[in-house]
Protein backbone atom coordinates (compact mmCIF):
# COMPACT_ATOMS: atom_id res chain seq x y z
CA MET A 1 0.00 0.00 0.00
CA HIS A 2 1.27 3.48 -0.81
CA SER A 3 2.27 5.30 2.37
CA GLY A 4 1.60 8.78 0.97
CA GLN A 5 5.13 9.80 1.98
CA PRO A 6 7.65 11.07 -0.62
CA GLN A 7 9.92 8.32 -1.89
CA GLN A 8 13.35 8.40 -0.23
CA LEU A 9 15.97 8.42 -2.98
CA SER A 10 19.31 6.73 -2.45
CA THR A 11 22.62 8.54 -2.79
CA LEU A 12 24.44 8.30 -6.09
CA THR A 13 27.98 6.99 -5.67
CA GLU A 14 30.82 6.75 -8.19
CA GLU A 15 30.56 2.96 -8.20
CA ILE A 16 26.83 3.06 -8.99
CA ALA A 17 27.28 5.68 -11.71
CA VAL A 18 30.17 3.91 -13.43
CA ASP A 19 28.44 0.51 -13.30
CA SER A 20 25.18 1.97 -14.63
CA ILE A 21 26.87 3.85 -17.47
CA ARG A 22 28.90 0.80 -18.49
CA ASP A 23 25.69 -1.24 -18.39
CA PHE A 24 24.13 1.30 -20.80
CA PHE A 25 26.57 0.09 -23.46
CA ARG A 26 25.57 -3.57 -23.19
CA ASP A 27 23.21 -2.90 -26.10
CA LYS A 28 24.00 -0.61 -28.99
CA PRO A 29 22.66 2.94 -28.73
CA PHE A 30 21.33 5.30 -31.38
CA LEU A 31 23.99 8.03 -31.50
CA PHE A 32 23.23 11.75 -31.66
CA PHE A 33 26.17 14.12 -31.91
CA GLY A 34 26.04 17.89 -32.14
CA THR A 35 28.04 21.06 -32.55
CA GLY A 36 29.85 20.42 -29.28
CA MET A 37 31.84 17.64 -30.95
CA SER A 38 33.04 20.04 -33.66
CA CYS A 39 33.69 22.81 -31.12
CA ALA A 40 35.90 20.40 -29.18
CA LEU A 41 38.31 20.74 -32.12
CA ASP A 42 37.75 24.42 -32.76
CA PRO A 43 35.23 26.82 -31.11
CA ARG A 44 34.82 28.59 -34.48
CA PHE A 45 32.37 25.81 -35.43
CA GLY A 46 30.00 27.23 -32.79
CA MET A 47 27.03 29.58 -33.13
CA ALA A 48 28.85 32.58 -31.64
CA THR A 49 31.39 32.74 -34.48
CA LEU A 50 28.74 32.05 -37.12
CA LYS A 51 26.72 34.95 -35.72
CA ASP A 52 29.70 37.31 -36.10
CA GLU A 53 30.33 36.07 -39.65
CA LEU A 54 26.71 36.59 -40.70
CA VAL A 55 26.56 40.07 -39.16
CA GLN A 56 29.71 41.10 -41.02
CA ARG A 57 28.93 39.53 -44.41
CA ILE A 58 25.25 40.51 -44.55
CA GLY A 59 26.31 44.04 -43.56
CA GLU A 60 28.50 44.19 -46.67
CA LEU A 61 25.57 43.39 -49.01
CA THR A 62 23.17 45.77 -50.72
CA LEU A 63 19.76 44.57 -49.60
CA ALA A 64 16.31 45.32 -51.00
CA ALA A 65 14.00 47.30 -48.73
CA GLU A 66 12.17 44.32 -47.22
CA GLN A 67 15.40 42.35 -46.80
CA HIS A 68 16.96 45.36 -45.07
CA ARG A 69 13.96 45.64 -42.73
CA GLN A 70 14.14 41.95 -41.81
CA TRP A 71 17.88 42.07 -41.22
CA GLN A 72 17.50 45.15 -39.04
CA GLN A 73 15.13 43.11 -36.86
CA VAL A 74 17.75 40.36 -36.61
CA SER A 75 20.43 42.88 -35.63
CA GLN A 76 18.22 44.42 -32.96
CA SER A 77 17.37 41.00 -31.56
CA LEU A 78 21.04 40.01 -31.38
CA SER A 79 21.93 43.34 -29.78
CA GLY A 80 19.26 42.66 -27.18
CA GLY A 81 20.99 39.43 -26.20
CA ALA A 82 18.86 36.89 -28.07
CA ASP A 83 20.55 33.84 -29.59
CA LEU A 84 21.12 33.41 -33.33
CA GLU A 85 18.41 30.78 -33.74
CA SER A 86 15.58 32.89 -32.34
CA SER A 87 16.93 36.10 -33.91
CA LEU A 88 16.68 34.57 -37.38
CA ASP A 89 13.05 33.52 -36.81
CA GLY A 90 11.80 36.72 -38.47
CA VAL A 91 13.66 36.19 -41.76
CA THR A 92 11.18 35.03 -44.40
CA ASP A 93 12.54 36.62 -47.59
CA SER A 94 13.69 33.73 -49.78
CA GLU A 95 16.63 35.61 -51.32
CA LEU A 96 17.89 36.74 -47.92
CA LEU A 97 17.55 33.19 -46.61
CA GLN A 98 19.60 31.94 -49.54
CA ARG A 99 22.30 34.54 -48.79
CA ILE A 100 22.39 33.32 -45.18
CA THR A 101 22.80 29.73 -46.37
CA GLU A 102 25.58 30.68 -48.80
CA ILE A 103 27.52 32.64 -46.15
CA THR A 104 27.08 29.85 -43.58
CA GLY A 105 28.21 27.26 -46.14
CA ARG A 106 31.31 29.20 -47.18
CA PHE A 107 32.31 29.85 -43.58
CA ILE A 108 31.92 26.24 -42.38
CA ALA A 109 33.59 25.00 -45.58
CA THR A 110 36.69 27.06 -44.80
CA LEU A 111 36.98 25.44 -41.37
CA ASP A 112 36.11 22.00 -42.70
CA ARG A 113 38.87 22.16 -45.32
CA GLU A 114 41.43 23.10 -42.69
CA TYR A 115 40.51 20.17 -40.46
CA ALA A 116 40.02 17.68 -43.29
CA LEU A 117 43.69 17.93 -44.13
CA ARG A 118 44.87 17.84 -40.52
CA ILE A 119 42.74 14.78 -39.65
CA SER A 120 43.72 12.97 -42.86
CA SER A 121 47.43 13.58 -42.25
CA GLY A 122 47.15 12.25 -38.70
CA GLU A 123 48.17 15.56 -37.18
CA ILE A 124 45.01 15.66 -35.05
CA ALA A 125 42.04 13.40 -34.34
CA TRP A 126 38.34 14.13 -34.00
CA PRO A 127 37.85 13.65 -30.23
CA ALA A 128 35.29 10.81 -30.46
CA THR A 129 37.18 8.77 -33.07
CA ASN A 130 38.25 5.95 -30.74
CA PHE A 131 34.88 5.98 -29.01
CA VAL A 132 32.95 5.53 -32.28
CA LYS A 133 35.41 2.87 -33.41
CA ARG A 134 34.71 0.93 -30.22
CA LEU A 135 30.96 1.23 -30.76
CA VAL A 136 31.27 -0.10 -34.31
CA ASP A 137 33.77 -2.85 -33.44
CA THR A 138 31.49 -4.17 -30.70
CA LEU A 139 28.28 -4.15 -32.74
CA PRO A 140 26.49 -7.48 -32.29
CA GLU A 141 26.94 -10.00 -35.11
CA GLY A 142 23.21 -10.06 -35.73
CA ASP A 143 22.86 -6.28 -35.96
CA ARG A 144 25.87 -4.72 -37.61
CA ILE A 145 24.64 -1.16 -38.15
CA LEU A 146 25.26 1.82 -35.86
CA HIS A 147 22.69 4.55 -36.49
CA ALA A 148 23.97 8.11 -35.99
CA LEU A 149 22.23 11.46 -36.45
CA THR A 150 23.74 14.93 -36.52
CA PRO A 151 22.56 18.45 -37.28
CA ASN A 152 26.21 19.38 -38.11
CA TYR A 153 27.07 20.52 -41.64
CA ASP A 154 30.78 19.71 -41.48
CA LEU A 155 32.36 16.38 -42.42
CA LEU A 156 34.57 15.87 -39.36
CA PHE A 157 32.80 12.62 -38.48
CA GLU A 158 33.36 11.29 -42.01
CA TYR A 159 37.07 12.22 -41.94
CA ALA A 160 37.40 10.54 -38.54
CA CYS A 161 35.80 7.33 -39.83
CA ASP A 162 38.10 7.29 -42.86
CA SER A 163 41.15 7.81 -40.63
CA VAL A 164 40.51 4.58 -38.68
CA GLY A 165 38.80 2.48 -41.34
CA ILE A 166 35.18 2.70 -40.19
CA ARG A 167 32.71 2.11 -43.03
CA TYR A 168 29.87 4.61 -43.19
CA THR A 169 27.12 5.83 -45.49
CA SER A 170 24.71 8.75 -45.58
CA GLY A 171 22.44 6.97 -48.06
CA PHE A 172 23.80 8.46 -51.29
CA PHE A 173 24.97 6.12 -54.03
CA GLY A 174 26.76 6.55 -57.34
CA GLY A 175 29.87 8.23 -58.70
CA VAL A 176 31.03 11.80 -58.25
CA GLU A 177 27.44 13.05 -58.20
CA ARG A 178 25.57 10.66 -55.93
CA ARG A 179 21.83 10.34 -55.33
CA THR A 180 19.79 9.01 -52.43
CA ASN A 181 19.39 5.26 -52.80
CA TRP A 182 19.45 3.32 -49.54
CA ALA A 183 18.63 0.04 -51.30
CA ALA A 184 21.74 0.28 -53.50
CA VAL A 185 23.84 1.33 -50.50
CA ASP A 186 22.59 -1.70 -48.56
CA GLN A 187 23.66 -4.02 -51.38
CA SER A 188 27.13 -2.46 -51.52
CA LEU A 189 27.68 -2.94 -47.79
CA HIS A 190 27.20 -6.71 -47.81
CA VAL A 191 30.27 -8.91 -47.57
CA GLN A 192 30.71 -12.60 -48.28
CA GLU A 193 31.47 -14.81 -45.27
CA GLU A 194 32.10 -18.54 -44.85
CA VAL A 195 30.34 -19.88 -41.74
CA CYS A 196 30.03 -23.36 -40.31
CA GLN A 197 26.48 -24.72 -40.19
CA ARG A 198 25.82 -28.38 -39.23
CA ALA A 199 29.47 -29.28 -39.78
CA LYS A 200 29.48 -27.72 -43.26
CA LEU A 201 30.93 -24.45 -44.54
CA VAL A 202 28.30 -22.32 -46.18
CA THR A 203 28.59 -18.93 -47.84
CA LEU A 204 26.48 -16.11 -46.45
CA PHE A 205 26.24 -12.46 -47.36
CA LYS A 206 26.16 -10.21 -44.31
CA TYR A 207 26.42 -6.49 -43.67
CA CYS A 208 29.90 -5.31 -42.89
CA LYS A 209 29.88 -3.35 -39.64
CA HIS A 210 29.17 0.26 -40.52
CA VAL A 211 27.52 3.54 -39.57
CA ARG A 212 24.36 4.93 -41.11
CA LEU A 213 24.78 8.68 -40.81
CA TYR A 214 21.69 10.89 -41.00
CA LYS A 215 22.64 14.52 -41.66
CA VAL A 216 19.20 15.94 -41.01
CA HIS A 217 20.14 19.59 -41.51
CA GLY A 218 21.98 18.95 -44.75
CA SER A 219 25.70 18.96 -45.32
CA LEU A 220 28.47 20.93 -46.99
CA ASN A 221 28.47 18.36 -49.79
CA TYR A 222 24.68 18.24 -50.39
CA PHE A 223 23.33 20.30 -53.30
CA PHE A 224 20.04 20.83 -55.10
CA HIS A 225 20.82 20.16 -58.77
CA ARG A 226 18.55 19.23 -61.69
CA ASN A 227 15.53 19.18 -59.32
CA GLU A 228 16.97 16.69 -56.85
CA VAL A 229 19.34 16.53 -53.92
CA VAL A 230 22.77 15.18 -54.79
CA GLU A 231 25.97 14.60 -52.81
CA ASN A 232 29.15 15.87 -54.48
CA ASP A 233 32.39 16.22 -52.51
CA SER A 234 34.14 18.09 -55.35
CA TRP A 235 31.77 21.05 -54.96
CA MET A 236 31.66 21.43 -51.21
CA TRP A 237 34.56 23.88 -50.67
CA SER A 238 33.82 25.95 -53.78
CA PRO A 239 30.35 25.25 -55.19
CA PRO A 240 29.53 26.21 -58.80
CA ASP A 241 26.94 28.90 -59.47
CA PHE A 242 24.39 26.52 -60.99
CA VAL A 243 23.72 24.59 -57.75
CA GLN A 244 22.13 25.48 -54.44
CA ARG A 245 23.64 24.17 -51.23
CA VAL A 246 21.24 22.08 -49.12
CA MET A 247 21.67 23.26 -45.56
CA ILE A 248 18.96 23.95 -42.99
CA THR A 249 20.05 27.19 -41.35
CA PRO A 250 18.64 28.40 -37.99
CA GLY A 251 15.27 30.13 -37.72
CA PHE A 252 11.61 29.31 -38.40
CA SER A 253 12.37 28.89 -42.11
CA LYS A 254 14.12 25.59 -41.30
CA TYR A 255 10.79 23.80 -40.92
CA GLU A 256 9.65 24.79 -44.41
CA THR A 257 13.03 23.80 -45.85
CA LEU A 258 13.01 20.51 -43.95
CA GLN A 259 9.66 19.61 -45.44
CA ARG A 260 11.02 20.38 -48.94
CA TYR A 261 13.89 17.91 -48.43
CA ARG A 262 12.09 15.49 -46.10
CA GLN A 263 12.61 12.50 -48.39
CA GLU A 264 16.41 12.91 -48.50
CA LEU A 265 17.13 14.24 -45.00
CA LEU A 266 14.55 12.89 -42.57
CA ARG A 267 12.60 9.87 -43.76
CA SER A 268 15.21 7.21 -43.04
CA ALA A 269 16.18 8.90 -39.77
CA ASP A 270 12.54 8.88 -38.64
CA ALA A 271 12.27 5.13 -39.18
CA ALA A 272 15.58 4.37 -37.41
CA ILE A 273 14.68 6.49 -34.38
CA GLU A 274 11.31 4.81 -34.12
CA LYS A 275 12.98 1.38 -33.86
CA ALA A 276 15.66 2.43 -31.34
CA SER A 277 15.31 1.90 -27.59
CA ARG A 278 18.41 3.61 -26.15
CA PHE A 279 19.98 6.92 -27.09
CA LEU A 280 23.44 8.40 -26.65
CA PHE A 281 24.07 12.14 -27.03
CA LEU A 282 27.56 13.57 -27.55
CA GLY A 283 28.05 17.34 -27.49
CA TYR A 284 24.39 17.77 -28.31
CA GLY A 285 22.68 20.89 -26.94
CA PHE A 286 19.00 19.96 -27.49
CA ASN A 287 18.37 23.17 -29.42
CA ASP A 288 16.31 21.80 -32.31
CA LYS A 289 12.64 21.58 -31.47
CA HIS A 290 11.73 19.23 -34.31
CA LEU A 291 14.40 16.72 -33.19
CA ASP A 292 13.72 17.23 -29.52
CA GLU A 293 10.12 16.14 -30.01
CA TYR A 294 11.37 12.73 -31.19
CA ILE A 295 13.69 12.52 -28.21
CA LYS A 296 11.09 13.47 -25.63
CA ARG A 297 8.69 10.91 -26.99
CA LYS A 298 11.29 8.15 -26.71
CA LEU A 299 12.90 9.16 -23.39
CA ILE A 300 9.88 10.43 -21.48
CA THR A 301 6.77 8.81 -22.93
CA GLN A 302 8.34 5.44 -23.76
CA GLY A 303 10.92 5.43 -20.93
CA CYS A 304 13.85 4.54 -23.19
CA ARG A 305 17.35 4.63 -21.70
CA GLY A 306 19.54 7.62 -22.46
CA LEU A 307 23.02 9.01 -21.76
CA ILE A 308 24.17 12.57 -22.40
CA ILE A 309 27.91 13.29 -22.44
CA THR A 310 28.63 16.97 -22.91
CA ARG A 311 30.94 19.69 -21.69
CA ASP A 312 28.22 22.12 -20.60
CA SER A 313 24.73 21.39 -19.34
CA ASN A 314 21.91 23.85 -20.04
CA PRO A 315 18.28 24.44 -18.96
CA ARG A 316 16.91 22.34 -21.86
CA ILE A 317 18.98 19.33 -20.80
CA GLU A 318 18.06 19.71 -17.14
CA ALA A 319 14.34 20.01 -17.98
CA LEU A 320 14.62 16.74 -19.88
CA LEU A 321 16.46 15.12 -16.95
CA ALA A 322 13.61 16.06 -14.62
CA ASP A 323 11.06 14.26 -16.81
CA ALA A 324 13.02 11.24 -18.10
CA SER A 325 13.34 8.40 -15.60
CA ASN A 326 16.15 6.51 -17.38
CA LEU A 327 18.39 9.37 -18.48
CA TRP A 328 21.97 10.00 -17.30
CA LEU A 329 23.94 13.20 -17.69
CA VAL A 330 27.73 13.42 -17.56
CA CYS A 331 28.94 17.03 -17.77
CA LYS A 332 31.61 19.43 -16.57
CA ALA A 333 31.61 20.87 -13.04
CA ALA A 334 29.38 23.91 -12.73
CA THR A 335 31.93 25.96 -10.79
CA GLU A 336 34.06 28.19 -12.99
CA GLY A 337 37.71 27.16 -13.05
CA LYS A 338 36.91 23.58 -12.03
CA ASP A 339 37.57 20.77 -14.48
CA GLY A 340 35.84 17.90 -12.69
CA THR A 341 32.75 15.93 -13.61
CA ARG A 342 29.12 16.05 -12.48
CA ILE A 343 26.75 13.12 -12.97
CA PHE A 344 22.99 13.06 -12.53
CA ASN A 345 20.10 10.63 -12.81
CA ARG A 346 16.77 11.51 -11.26
CA GLN A 347 16.45 8.08 -9.62
CA TYR A 348 19.13 9.21 -7.14
CA ALA A 349 19.32 12.07 -4.67
CA GLY A 350 21.31 15.03 -5.96
CA TRP A 351 24.38 15.34 -8.15
CA LEU A 352 27.50 13.23 -7.92
CA ASP A 353 30.65 15.38 -8.08
CA LEU A 354 33.91 13.80 -9.21
CA PRO A 355 36.47 16.63 -8.97
CA ALA A 356 39.40 14.49 -10.13
CA ARG A 357 37.69 13.10 -13.24
CA ARG A 358 37.10 14.62 -16.71
CA LEU A 359 34.50 12.15 -17.95
CA TRP A 360 32.65 14.90 -19.85
CA ASP A 361 35.63 14.86 -22.26
CA ILE A 362 34.90 11.98 -24.65
CA VAL A 363 38.63 11.16 -24.93
CA GLU A 364 38.88 10.76 -21.15
CA PHE A 365 35.51 9.00 -21.01
CA THR A 366 36.65 6.41 -23.54
CA ALA A 367 39.95 5.82 -21.73
CA GLN A 368 38.47 5.59 -18.23
CA MET A 369 35.32 3.62 -19.09
CA PHE A 370 36.68 1.29 -21.74
CA GLY A 371 40.44 1.49 -21.41
CA GLY A 372 41.20 3.27 -24.69
C-alpha cells in the first residue's frame, strides 16, 4: 500500500554511476552528436562565431527594402541578447535566406577544409574517433549497423571514420554526383562470409559493420541540382553557381526547408529512431525543437534509456532530466575554473561530483570507461 510519503531516494555513488553507465553500453545505442563535438576541435564551429560572420557579411551586401527591414530586426534582436536561432526567426525573404545559407556554407567549408587535411594527415584526431570505433567494433553480429544522427554541416565525423577504417554511409549512391538510394547502398555494404552450419561451410552475405549517418540539416556536400538533392564532394569547398547548397540554417524557415527535403534528410532517420530503444548524445545541446520532439517521446513517454555526455549542461537538458526516468547526464563541473565531472540521474538524490575526473571529455571517457 502506498504510504503517501515522498519516496526516499538513495545517494548516487561513483561505483553506482560507473556501473550503470557501463551497463548502458551492453546494447548498442542510437547516436546523436552535435556542434559540441566540432567545437571540441575548434570553437569557431559554434554559433557565436557564425553569428559574427553573418553580421559582417550581410552588412557588406546591398539589400532590397524588405530584406533590409528583416535584417534590421535580426540585428536588434542580437543586440538585445537573443541567440542566433531565435533572432533569425523573423527572416522570411527567400533571397535573404539563400544569402544566409551561402555565407554559412562558405564559412563552415573554410573550417572543414582546414581540419580535413589535418585529420587525414594524422596531425590531429576528432575527439570521439576511438569511441565511435569501439561502438562499431562491438556491434552485435546479428545487428551490424550503428545509427547516428547529426545536425552538423561539417564532415569531421566522415574524416574521422576514414582515418581509422570505419565504413559509413549517408544513403547516397553513385559516382562523383551521388543520389539518395538506400537500397543500392545496402547491397554495396554486404560482404561474403564462410560460416560453419551443421558441420558444413556455407557462404552467407552479411552487412559489414558500418555507420548509417543521418545529416538531417543537410551537409556541406549536399546540393540541389537538376531538381533533386545530390551529394558531391568536389563542390563542397567551392560550389559552382548553378547549384544550391542544401543546408537547414537556424530560424523558423528551417521547418519549411526541412519539409522540402524530407525524403532525402529525414525519412530514413525517422524510421531508425522509431525502432531504437536507447539513445546516446555527444556534445548535443537539445536546441532543435523538431528533433527534440522525437527525443522526448522516446525518453519520457516510452521510458527509453539515455546518456548525455557533454561539456556544458543547459536548462533544456536539465528540464529533460527532470522528466526522463532513465536518463543519465555526464557534464563538466558547474563551478568556474573547475575541471571535474558532475553526474545526474533523477532516480538518485542530488548530483554526484567527481572533482578528479574529466569524464565529460569523450577522450577521457573512452579511456576511463573502456580502457582506450
